[in-house]
Amino acid sequence: MALNKSLVVFLSLLLVSTISLAQVKISSWNIRHLGNSKSKSEIEFMAETLRDFDAVAIQEVVAGNGGAQAVTKLADELNRKGSRWDHVVSKPTQGGTYSSERYAFLWKTNRLKVDRKAWLDLDCIEEFEREPYFIRFKFENQIFTLVNIHAVPKSKQPEQELKYLKLYPELYPDENFIVLGDFNLPESHSVFNPLKSKGFISALVNQKTSLKMKCKTGICLASEYDNMFIDSRSFRILKTGVDLFYEAFTDLKSARMISDHIPIWIEFDFN
C-alpha cells in the first residue's frame, strides 16, 4: 500500500512538471545603451537577471560598433548558466543618427525553435521612427510571434506611431502576436484601445517601469512605459511581473549603469 502511495505521489509530481513545461516565460527589457559601455560584470549581472526565461526581447541595443557584440557577450554569459541560448540582432532601424538603434532576441534552444527568422517591419516602415522587429517561434506544436518595439520618447508623441499597431492583426492575420517593449506611454492611453478591441490585453496595469534619477520617500520608479500586449484569443496569461533589479545596488546611480528601465515578464499558455 505504501508503495502505491509513493507511486501516486511520483506520478502527480511528474504530471505537474509536465504541465509546467508546457508554459512559456518571456521577458522584455530596455537595456539602456547596450554596447561597448557595458562592463563584463554588468553583462554578467544582466545574464543572471534573465537566466530563467525562455525568450528575451531587448530594446536600445547600440546601432554602431559594440551593440551586436554586447548581445553576443550576453548570450555567451547566459550559456554559462546551464542552458543553451541562441540570439539574433537586428540591423539598425531607419531612425536618424540620434534615434537609430538595434533590437535583439535571445532564447533557449531546448525550449523554442525559430519558425521564421527575425525581420524588421517593412509594411509600416514609414510610420515608425524605429520600425518594430518580429520573430516567430515554435513551442512544441504551437506558434507565436513576438513584436519588439521601442516607441519614440513621450516628447515626440509616441501615440502618433503607436496608432499603427492596430494594423498588424490585419496585415498578418495568421500570426499569433505578443507585442512587447518600451511604448513610452501607459497601457491606459486611448491609442491602445483599437488593439484591445481586437482581443489584446496588457500584461501589466498601473505598473511603473522606468527609474527615477533618485529614490524619493522610497519610490524609485517613474513612469508606466514598458508592457506586453497579448492576444487573448490565442493565449492566456498565467503570471506577470517585473524585476526590481535596482534593489541589488546601493543607489539608483549605480543601478542606472545597467539600465534606466526594469525588466518585465509574462508566463503564458496557449488556448
Protein backbone atom coordinates (compact mmCIF):
# COMPACT_ATOMS: atom_id res chain seq x y z
CA MET A 1 0.00 0.00 0.00
CA ALA A 2 2.86 2.37 0.88
CA LEU A 3 4.44 1.63 -2.48
CA ASN A 4 1.22 2.53 -4.27
CA LYS A 5 1.03 5.83 -2.40
CA SER A 6 4.61 6.61 -3.36
CA LEU A 7 3.84 5.80 -6.96
CA VAL A 8 0.81 8.10 -6.90
CA VAL A 9 2.91 10.94 -5.45
CA PHE A 10 5.63 10.38 -8.07
CA LEU A 11 3.14 10.38 -10.95
CA SER A 12 1.46 13.50 -9.58
CA LEU A 13 4.78 15.32 -9.40
CA LEU A 14 5.63 14.16 -12.91
CA LEU A 15 2.30 15.47 -14.18
CA VAL A 16 2.84 18.85 -12.52
CA SER A 17 6.33 19.01 -14.01
CA THR A 18 5.00 18.18 -17.47
CA ILE A 19 2.29 20.80 -17.19
CA SER A 20 4.77 23.48 -16.12
CA LEU A 21 6.95 22.71 -19.13
CA ALA A 22 4.00 23.46 -21.40
CA GLN A 23 4.13 27.09 -20.35
CA VAL A 24 6.36 29.78 -21.85
CA LYS A 25 8.00 32.59 -19.91
CA ILE A 26 9.32 35.62 -21.75
CA SER A 27 10.88 38.91 -20.71
CA SER A 28 11.29 42.33 -22.27
CA TRP A 29 13.98 44.80 -21.20
CA ASN A 30 15.05 48.18 -22.46
CA ILE A 31 18.75 47.95 -21.58
CA ARG A 32 19.97 51.49 -21.90
CA HIS A 33 22.79 51.91 -24.44
CA LEU A 34 23.64 48.21 -24.65
CA GLY A 35 27.06 48.35 -26.27
CA ASN A 36 30.72 48.96 -25.50
CA SER A 37 29.89 50.95 -22.39
CA LYS A 38 28.73 47.81 -20.56
CA SER A 39 31.42 46.13 -18.47
CA LYS A 40 31.93 42.40 -18.07
CA SER A 41 30.43 42.48 -14.58
CA GLU A 42 27.38 44.37 -15.86
CA ILE A 43 26.86 41.80 -18.62
CA GLU A 44 27.16 39.05 -16.01
CA PHE A 45 24.53 40.80 -13.88
CA MET A 46 22.14 41.01 -16.85
CA ALA A 47 22.60 37.31 -17.60
CA GLU A 48 21.86 36.36 -14.01
CA THR A 49 18.72 38.51 -14.15
CA LEU A 50 17.48 36.89 -17.39
CA ARG A 51 18.57 33.27 -16.96
CA ASP A 52 15.17 31.81 -16.02
CA PHE A 53 13.25 32.99 -19.10
CA ASP A 54 12.62 31.05 -22.30
CA ALA A 55 12.99 34.12 -24.51
CA VAL A 56 14.04 37.73 -24.03
CA ALA A 57 13.32 40.80 -26.17
CA ILE A 58 15.77 43.69 -25.80
CA GLN A 59 15.44 47.29 -26.89
CA GLU A 60 18.07 50.02 -27.21
CA VAL A 61 20.98 47.98 -28.49
CA VAL A 62 23.55 50.46 -29.81
CA ALA A 63 23.31 50.83 -33.60
CA GLY A 64 27.03 51.48 -34.08
CA ASN A 65 30.08 49.48 -33.12
CA GLY A 66 29.69 47.39 -29.98
CA GLY A 67 25.94 46.84 -29.93
CA ALA A 68 25.73 43.46 -31.63
CA GLN A 69 28.92 42.37 -29.84
CA ALA A 70 27.38 43.21 -26.46
CA VAL A 71 24.38 40.98 -27.23
CA THR A 72 26.76 38.17 -28.18
CA LYS A 73 28.58 38.62 -24.86
CA LEU A 74 25.24 38.46 -23.05
CA ALA A 75 24.32 35.25 -24.91
CA ASP A 76 27.72 33.75 -24.07
CA GLU A 77 27.20 34.58 -20.42
CA LEU A 78 23.72 33.05 -20.47
CA ASN A 79 25.22 29.89 -21.97
CA ARG A 80 27.28 29.55 -18.79
CA LYS A 81 24.10 29.38 -16.70
CA GLY A 82 23.15 25.79 -17.57
CA SER A 83 21.02 26.17 -20.72
CA ARG A 84 21.90 26.64 -24.37
CA TRP A 85 20.90 30.07 -25.74
CA ASP A 86 20.83 31.49 -29.24
CA HIS A 87 20.34 35.10 -30.28
CA VAL A 88 19.72 37.45 -33.18
CA VAL A 89 20.30 41.20 -33.55
CA SER A 90 18.51 43.46 -36.00
CA LYS A 91 20.09 45.79 -38.48
CA PRO A 92 19.97 49.44 -37.34
CA THR A 93 16.47 50.90 -37.53
CA GLN A 94 15.74 53.65 -40.03
CA GLY A 95 15.75 56.48 -37.44
CA GLY A 96 18.32 59.26 -37.75
CA THR A 97 21.73 59.46 -36.08
CA TYR A 98 20.32 60.07 -32.62
CA SER A 99 17.37 57.68 -32.74
CA SER A 100 18.52 54.67 -34.75
CA GLU A 101 19.22 51.57 -32.71
CA ARG A 102 19.04 47.79 -32.89
CA TYR A 103 16.75 45.24 -31.31
CA ALA A 104 17.68 41.77 -30.09
CA PHE A 105 16.04 38.46 -29.24
CA LEU A 106 17.62 35.72 -27.13
CA TRP A 107 16.07 32.31 -26.50
CA LYS A 108 16.70 28.86 -25.02
CA THR A 109 17.13 26.42 -27.89
CA ASN A 110 15.80 23.44 -25.93
CA ARG A 111 12.53 25.30 -25.32
CA LEU A 112 11.92 27.27 -28.50
CA LYS A 113 12.65 26.81 -32.19
CA VAL A 114 12.69 29.63 -34.73
CA ASP A 115 9.78 29.14 -37.15
CA ARG A 116 10.59 32.26 -39.17
CA LYS A 117 13.81 34.25 -39.00
CA ALA A 118 13.57 37.65 -37.35
CA TRP A 119 12.72 40.63 -39.58
CA LEU A 120 12.32 44.38 -39.29
CA ASP A 121 8.86 45.55 -40.28
CA LEU A 122 8.61 46.81 -43.85
CA ASP A 123 4.84 47.23 -44.10
CA CYS A 124 4.72 50.19 -41.71
CA ILE A 125 8.33 51.34 -42.08
CA GLU A 126 7.31 54.94 -42.77
CA GLU A 127 5.01 55.07 -39.75
CA PHE A 128 7.63 54.17 -37.14
CA GLU A 129 10.86 56.02 -36.43
CA ARG A 130 12.29 52.73 -35.12
CA GLU A 131 10.42 50.07 -37.05
CA PRO A 132 9.39 47.04 -34.92
CA TYR A 133 11.33 43.77 -35.03
CA PHE A 134 9.49 40.45 -35.42
CA ILE A 135 10.39 36.84 -34.75
CA ARG A 136 8.19 33.74 -34.96
CA PHE A 137 8.84 30.89 -32.52
CA LYS A 138 7.58 27.34 -32.32
CA PHE A 139 6.96 25.76 -28.95
CA GLU A 140 6.09 22.08 -29.31
CA ASN A 141 3.24 22.29 -31.88
CA GLN A 142 2.30 25.89 -31.09
CA ILE A 143 3.38 29.04 -32.96
CA PHE A 144 3.69 32.57 -31.62
CA THR A 145 5.24 35.80 -32.87
CA LEU A 146 6.95 38.47 -30.79
CA VAL A 147 6.83 42.08 -31.96
CA ASN A 148 9.66 44.05 -30.34
CA ILE A 149 9.08 47.80 -30.28
CA HIS A 150 10.71 50.93 -28.91
CA ALA A 151 8.46 53.92 -29.48
CA VAL A 152 9.75 57.48 -29.74
CA PRO A 153 10.05 59.44 -26.47
CA LYS A 154 6.96 60.97 -24.92
CA SER A 155 8.10 64.45 -26.00
CA LYS A 156 7.76 63.29 -29.63
CA GLN A 157 4.19 61.99 -29.18
CA PRO A 158 4.58 58.20 -29.45
CA GLU A 159 0.84 57.84 -29.95
CA GLN A 160 1.34 59.18 -33.48
CA GLU A 161 3.19 55.99 -34.42
CA LEU A 162 1.66 53.54 -31.95
CA LYS A 163 -1.75 54.07 -33.55
CA TYR A 164 -0.49 51.90 -36.42
CA LEU A 165 -0.18 48.84 -34.18
CA LYS A 166 -3.86 48.19 -34.83
CA LEU A 167 -2.93 47.33 -38.42
CA TYR A 168 -0.78 44.33 -37.53
CA PRO A 169 -3.60 41.82 -36.92
CA GLU A 170 -4.94 42.70 -40.39
CA LEU A 171 -1.56 42.75 -42.13
CA TYR A 172 -0.55 39.44 -40.55
CA PRO A 173 -3.82 37.54 -39.95
CA ASP A 174 -2.05 34.20 -39.46
CA GLU A 175 0.29 35.40 -36.72
CA ASN A 176 -0.37 34.91 -33.01
CA PHE A 177 1.04 38.17 -31.69
CA ILE A 178 2.62 39.30 -28.47
CA VAL A 179 3.58 42.97 -28.85
CA LEU A 180 6.17 43.93 -26.26
CA GLY A 181 8.75 46.57 -25.46
CA ASP A 182 9.00 50.21 -24.45
CA PHE A 183 5.94 52.15 -25.58
CA ASN A 184 6.76 55.38 -23.73
CA LEU A 185 3.07 55.51 -22.80
CA PRO A 186 0.92 53.80 -20.15
CA GLU A 187 -1.36 50.96 -21.25
CA SER A 188 -4.36 53.08 -20.23
CA HIS A 189 -3.72 55.50 -23.12
CA SER A 190 -6.53 55.54 -25.66
CA VAL A 191 -4.11 54.78 -28.52
CA PHE A 192 -4.19 51.14 -27.41
CA ASN A 193 -7.99 50.88 -27.50
CA PRO A 194 -8.19 49.66 -31.13
CA LEU A 195 -5.71 46.90 -30.29
CA LYS A 196 -7.66 45.99 -27.16
CA SER A 197 -10.87 45.88 -29.19
CA LYS A 198 -9.27 43.11 -31.26
CA GLY A 199 -8.79 40.98 -28.14
CA PHE A 200 -5.39 42.15 -26.93
CA ILE A 201 -4.85 42.67 -23.21
CA SER A 202 -1.94 44.26 -21.38
CA ALA A 203 0.24 42.13 -19.14
CA LEU A 204 0.82 44.96 -16.67
CA VAL A 205 -1.62 47.52 -15.29
CA ASN A 206 -0.60 50.53 -13.19
CA GLN A 207 2.99 49.27 -13.11
CA LYS A 208 5.77 51.83 -13.44
CA THR A 209 8.85 50.51 -15.20
CA SER A 210 11.33 53.37 -15.69
CA LEU A 211 13.76 54.50 -12.99
CA LYS A 212 13.85 57.89 -11.35
CA MET A 213 17.17 59.68 -11.06
CA LYS A 214 16.92 59.27 -7.27
CA CYS A 215 14.51 57.44 -4.98
CA LYS A 216 12.18 59.80 -3.16
CA THR A 217 10.42 58.64 0.00
CA GLY A 218 11.11 55.05 -1.05
CA ILE A 219 9.67 55.49 -4.54
CA CYS A 220 12.20 54.66 -7.25
CA LEU A 221 10.06 54.10 -10.35
CA ALA A 222 8.87 56.94 -12.56
CA SER A 223 6.60 56.01 -15.49
CA GLU A 224 4.45 53.22 -16.95
CA TYR A 225 6.34 52.72 -20.21
CA ASP A 226 7.15 49.02 -20.70
CA ASN A 227 4.49 46.41 -21.28
CA MET A 228 3.28 43.46 -23.34
CA PHE A 229 0.03 43.24 -25.27
CA ILE A 230 -1.02 39.63 -25.69
CA ASP A 231 -3.74 38.28 -27.97
CA SER A 232 -6.23 36.75 -25.53
CA ARG A 233 -7.78 34.73 -28.36
CA SER A 234 -4.54 32.78 -28.74
CA PHE A 235 -3.03 32.86 -25.26
CA ARG A 236 -3.95 33.02 -21.62
CA ILE A 237 -1.83 34.83 -19.08
CA LEU A 238 -0.73 32.75 -16.10
CA LYS A 239 1.62 35.13 -14.32
CA THR A 240 3.16 38.54 -14.90
CA GLY A 241 5.75 40.56 -13.07
CA VAL A 242 8.73 42.88 -13.03
CA ASP A 243 12.27 42.53 -11.73
CA LEU A 244 13.28 45.31 -9.35
CA PHE A 245 16.95 44.77 -10.16
CA TYR A 246 17.94 48.15 -8.74
CA GLU A 247 17.39 46.79 -5.23
CA ALA A 248 20.72 44.94 -5.64
CA PHE A 249 22.52 48.30 -5.79
CA THR A 250 23.29 50.85 -3.11
CA ASP A 251 21.81 53.72 -5.14
CA LEU A 252 19.97 54.40 -8.39
CA LYS A 253 23.01 56.00 -9.99
CA SER A 254 24.78 52.63 -9.84
CA ALA A 255 21.68 50.74 -10.99
CA ARG A 256 21.25 53.07 -13.95
CA MET A 257 24.65 51.94 -15.22
CA ILE A 258 22.76 48.74 -16.10
CA SER A 259 19.60 50.44 -17.37
CA ASP A 260 17.04 53.12 -16.63
CA HIS A 261 14.24 50.56 -17.10
CA ILE A 262 13.41 47.37 -15.22
CA PRO A 263 12.75 44.03 -16.95
CA ILE A 264 9.13 42.94 -17.31
CA TRP A 265 7.92 39.38 -17.83
CA ILE A 266 4.96 37.18 -18.55
CA GLU A 267 4.24 33.46 -18.27
CA PHE A 268 1.57 32.24 -20.67
CA ASP A 269 -0.07 29.17 -22.10
CA PHE A 270 -1.89 28.55 -25.36
CA ASN A 271 -5.66 28.47 -25.80
